Amino acid sequence: MATPRLSVLLSEWRVLSAGLESRPARSVSPESQQELAALIEEGTALSSEQVRLEGMLKTVIARREELIERGNHLREYLAAALRRELGASSPILLQFGVRPRGPRGPKRPGRRRAGGDAAGAETSEPAQAES
């Protein structure tokens, strides 16, 4: 069974406390009534504090996400500047925590290159004149 929310419990406790004030019961001690009133007061204060802290948490989370975004953007900018200066495959990049570009894999036959011919296709040689 799920635990009831504090606000529901506080409402139930307030109804009980108000009922005991308007119609005192012989079997309920005044100390118990005072303790219930103190619990209601403390619960109300805790609820208010929780609402305030949840608002602060949302603010902190938003600031943290913004900081991460700015930091990642700046890191990419600086890494790109280092790649331009040192070369994209320079092992010196590792000193800055930037991974150099690795060697390219083997060419795959059948893929088109920028020149328009398929990779691996025969090159056209000047045709010899038939005699």
C-alpha atoms as a PDB file:
ATOM      1  CA  MET A   1       0.000   0.000   0.000  1.00  0.00           C
ATOM      2  CA  ALA A   2       1.329   3.422  -0.909  1.00  0.00           C
ATOM      3  CA  THR A   3       2.130   5.937   1.801  1.00  0.00           C
ATOM      4  CA  PRO A   4      -0.340   8.845   1.778  1.00  0.00           C
ATOM      5  CA  ARG A   5       1.028  12.261   0.883  1.00  0.00           C
ATOM      6  CA  LEU A   6       1.874  14.553   3.764  1.00  0.00           C
ATOM      7  CA  SER A   7      -0.774  17.065   2.674  1.00  0.00           C
ATOM      8  CA  VAL A   8      -3.499  14.390   2.959  1.00  0.00           C
ATOM      9  CA  LEU A   9      -2.259  13.344   6.380  1.00  0.00           C
ATOM     10  CA  LEU A  10      -2.108  16.939   7.576  1.00  0.00           C
ATOM     11  CA  SER A  11      -5.715  17.447   6.483  1.00  0.00           C
ATOM     12  CA  GLU A  12      -6.816  14.353   8.390  1.00  0.00           C
ATOM     13  CA  TRP A  13      -4.875  15.436  11.466  1.00  0.00           C
ATOM     14  CA  ARG A  14      -6.399  18.951  11.334  1.00  0.00           C
ATOM     15  CA  VAL A  15      -9.920  17.502  11.193  1.00  0.00           C
ATOM     16  CA  LEU A  16      -9.130  15.286  14.189  1.00  0.00           C
ATOM     17  CA  SER A  17      -7.578  18.157  16.134  1.00  0.00           C
ATOM     18  CA  ALA A  18     -10.516  20.495  15.413  1.00  0.00           C
ATOM     19  CA  GLY A  19     -12.967  17.788  16.450  1.00  0.00           C
ATOM     20  CA  LEU A  20     -11.144  17.218  19.717  1.00  0.00           C
ATOM     21  CA  GLU A  21     -11.116  20.945  20.463  1.00  0.00           C
ATOM     22  CA  SER A  22     -14.849  21.306  19.896  1.00  0.00           C
ATOM     23  CA  ARG A  23     -15.822  18.096  21.675  1.00  0.00           C
ATOM     24  CA  PRO A  24     -13.222  16.900  24.134  1.00  0.00           C
ATOM     25  CA  ALA A  25     -13.007  13.154  24.716  1.00  0.00           C
ATOM     26  CA  ARG A  26     -12.290  11.795  28.192  1.00  0.00           C
ATOM     27  CA  SER A  27      -9.921   9.115  26.926  1.00  0.00           C
ATOM     28  CA  VAL A  28      -7.679  11.613  25.051  1.00  0.00           C
ATOM     29  CA  SER A  29      -5.096  13.407  27.165  1.00  0.00           C
ATOM     30  CA  PRO A  30      -4.385  17.089  26.667  1.00  0.00           C
ATOM     31  CA  GLU A  31      -0.712  16.178  26.106  1.00  0.00           C
ATOM     32  CA  SER A  32      -1.673  14.036  23.107  1.00  0.00           C
ATOM     33  CA  GLN A  33      -3.733  16.881  21.689  1.00  0.00           C
ATOM     34  CA  GLN A  34      -0.806  19.273  22.138  1.00  0.00           C
ATOM     35  CA  GLU A  35       1.550  16.783  20.494  1.00  0.00           C
ATOM     36  CA  LEU A  36      -0.849  16.452  17.524  1.00  0.00           C
ATOM     37  CA  ALA A  37      -0.998  20.260  17.197  1.00  0.00           C
ATOM     38  CA  ALA A  38       2.813  20.413  17.264  1.00  0.00           C
ATOM     39  CA  LEU A  39       3.038  17.698  14.587  1.00  0.00           C
ATOM     40  CA  ILE A  40       0.567  19.598  12.386  1.00  0.00           C
ATOM     41  CA  GLU A  41       2.611  22.776  12.763  1.00  0.00           C
ATOM     42  CA  GLU A  42       5.901  20.997  11.996  1.00  0.00           C
ATOM     43  CA  GLY A  43       4.369  19.154   9.023  1.00  0.00           C
ATOM     44  CA  THR A  44       3.066  22.419   7.587  1.00  0.00           C
ATOM     45  CA  ALA A  45       6.514  24.000   7.968  1.00  0.00           C
ATOM     46  CA  LEU A  46       8.164  20.997   6.296  1.00  0.00           C
ATOM     47  CA  SER A  47       5.712  21.150   3.387  1.00  0.00           C
ATOM     48  CA  SER A  48       6.482  24.830   2.852  1.00  0.00           C
ATOM     49  CA  GLU A  49      10.217  24.155   2.996  1.00  0.00           C
ATOM     50  CA  GLN A  50       9.878  21.281   0.515  1.00  0.00           C
ATOM     51  CA  VAL A  51       8.053  23.507  -1.982  1.00  0.00           C
ATOM     52  CA  ARG A  52      10.752  26.177  -1.614  1.00  0.00           C
ATOM     53  CA  LEU A  53      13.577  23.637  -2.035  1.00  0.00           C
ATOM     54  CA  GLU A  54      11.924  22.024  -5.081  1.00  0.00           C
ATOM     55  CA  GLY A  55      11.846  25.452  -6.717  1.00  0.00           C
ATOM     56  CA  MET A  56      15.527  25.944  -5.916  1.00  0.00           C
ATOM     57  CA  LEU A  57      16.335  22.475  -7.276  1.00  0.00           C
ATOM     58  CA  LYS A  58      14.647  23.276 -10.592  1.00  0.00           C
ATOM     59  CA  THR A  59      16.720  26.452 -10.816  1.00  0.00           C
ATOM     60  CA  VAL A  60      19.945  24.582 -10.048  1.00  0.00           C
ATOM     61  CA  ILE A  61      19.160  21.878 -12.603  1.00  0.00           C
ATOM     62  CA  ALA A  62      18.448  24.485 -15.296  1.00  0.00           C
ATOM     63  CA  ARG A  63      21.710  26.309 -14.512  1.00  0.00           C
ATOM     64  CA  ARG A  64      23.634  23.012 -14.551  1.00  0.00           C
ATOM     65  CA  GLU A  65      22.199  22.045 -17.952  1.00  0.00           C
ATOM     66  CA  GLU A  66      23.092  25.466 -19.352  1.00  0.00           C
ATOM     67  CA  LEU A  67      26.619  25.154 -17.969  1.00  0.00           C
ATOM     68  CA  ILE A  68      27.033  21.706 -19.555  1.00  0.00           C
ATOM     69  CA  GLU A  69      25.811  22.993 -22.909  1.00  0.00           C
ATOM     70  CA  ARG A  70      28.163  25.996 -22.818  1.00  0.00           C
ATOM     71  CA  GLY A  71      31.081  23.827 -21.679  1.00  0.00           C
ATOM     72  CA  ASN A  72      30.559  21.256 -24.426  1.00  0.00           C
ATOM     73  CA  HIS A  73      30.262  23.988 -27.052  1.00  0.00           C
ATOM     74  CA  LEU A  74      33.472  25.657 -25.861  1.00  0.00           C
ATOM     75  CA  ARG A  75      35.306  22.329 -25.738  1.00  0.00           C
ATOM     76  CA  GLU A  76      34.324  21.544 -29.328  1.00  0.00           C
ATOM     77  CA  TYR A  77      35.411  25.013 -30.433  1.00  0.00           C
ATOM     78  CA  LEU A  78      38.805  24.686 -28.736  1.00  0.00           C
ATOM     79  CA  ALA A  79      39.302  21.120 -29.998  1.00  0.00           C
ATOM     80  CA  ALA A  80      38.579  22.292 -33.553  1.00  0.00           C
ATOM     81  CA  ALA A  81      41.133  25.093 -33.175  1.00  0.00           C
ATOM     82  CA  LEU A  82      43.742  22.585 -31.973  1.00  0.00           C
ATOM     83  CA  ARG A  83      42.953  20.233 -34.864  1.00  0.00           C
ATOM     84  CA  ARG A  84      43.435  23.106 -37.336  1.00  0.00           C
ATOM     85  CA  GLU A  85      46.745  24.079 -35.730  1.00  0.00           C
ATOM     86  CA  LEU A  86      48.223  20.627 -35.101  1.00  0.00           C
ATOM     87  CA  GLY A  87      46.510  18.546 -37.765  1.00  0.00           C
ATOM     88  CA  ALA A  88      43.477  16.314 -37.327  1.00  0.00           C
ATOM     89  CA  SER A  89      45.541  13.132 -36.937  1.00  0.00           C
ATOM     90  CA  SER A  90      48.331  14.545 -34.763  1.00  0.00           C
ATOM     91  CA  PRO A  91      49.096  12.441 -31.669  1.00  0.00           C
ATOM     92  CA  ILE A  92      49.872  15.693 -29.800  1.00  0.00           C
ATOM     93  CA  LEU A  93      46.098  16.222 -29.577  1.00  0.00           C
ATOM     94  CA  LEU A  94      46.014  13.512 -26.913  1.00  0.00           C
ATOM     95  CA  GLN A  95      47.861  15.860 -24.532  1.00  0.00           C
ATOM     96  CA  PHE A  96      44.791  18.088 -24.656  1.00  0.00           C
ATOM     97  CA  GLY A  97      42.297  15.259 -24.252  1.00  0.00           C
ATOM     98  CA  VAL A  98      41.290  15.456 -27.921  1.00  0.00           C
ATOM     99  CA  ARG A  99      41.229  12.239 -29.908  1.00  0.00           C
ATOM    100  CA  PRO A 100      43.090  12.433 -33.179  1.00  0.00           C
ATOM    101  CA  ARG A 101      41.424  11.137 -36.298  1.00  0.00           C
ATOM    102  CA  GLY A 102      42.435   7.548 -36.847  1.00  0.00           C
ATOM    103  CA  PRO A 103      43.668   6.070 -40.094  1.00  0.00           C
ATOM    104  CA  ARG A 104      41.027   5.548 -42.706  1.00  0.00           C
ATOM    105  CA  GLY A 105      39.886   2.044 -43.449  1.00  0.00           C
ATOM    106  CA  PRO A 106      40.399   0.324 -46.773  1.00  0.00           C
ATOM    107  CA  LYS A 107      38.483   1.608 -49.757  1.00  0.00           C
ATOM    108  CA  ARG A 108      35.313  -0.286 -50.464  1.00  0.00           C
ATOM    109  CA  PRO A 109      34.697  -1.284 -54.037  1.00  0.00           C
ATOM    110  CA  GLY A 110      31.542   0.058 -55.592  1.00  0.00           C
ATOM    111  CA  ARG A 111      31.382   3.326 -53.661  1.00  0.00           C
ATOM    112  CA  ARG A 112      31.338   6.468 -55.733  1.00  0.00           C
ATOM    113  CA  ARG A 113      34.024   9.014 -55.165  1.00  0.00           C
ATOM    114  CA  ALA A 114      33.771  12.740 -55.644  1.00  0.00           C
ATOM    115  CA  GLY A 115      35.357  12.420 -59.112  1.00  0.00           C
ATOM    116  CA  GLY A 116      32.341  10.488 -60.360  1.00  0.00           C
ATOM    117  CA  ASP A 117      33.985   7.122 -61.180  1.00  0.00           C
ATOM    118  CA  ALA A 118      33.272   4.121 -58.990  1.00  0.00           C
ATOM    119  CA  ALA A 119      36.184   3.193 -56.747  1.00  0.00           C
ATOM    120  CA  GLY A 120      38.013   0.180 -58.118  1.00  0.00           C
ATOM    121  CA  ALA A 121      36.718   0.759 -61.651  1.00  0.00           C
ATOM    122  CA  GLU A 122      39.199   0.416 -64.484  1.00  0.00           C
ATOM    123  CA  THR A 123      40.770   3.623 -65.601  1.00  0.00           C
ATOM    124  CA  SER A 124      40.237   4.603 -69.171  1.00  0.00           C
ATOM    125  CA  GLU A 125      43.408   4.606 -71.197  1.00  0.00           C
ATOM    126  CA  PRO A 126      43.712   6.227 -74.571  1.00  0.00           C
ATOM    127  CA  ALA A 127      42.440   3.836 -77.181  1.00  0.00           C
ATOM    128  CA  GLN A 128      45.069   2.568 -79.573  1.00  0.00           C
ATOM    129  CA  ALA A 129      44.341   2.912 -83.202  1.00  0.00           C
ATOM    130  CA  GLU A 130      43.506  -0.322 -84.885  1.00  0.00           C
ATOM    131  CA  SER A 131      45.659  -1.183 -87.844  1.00  0.00           C
END
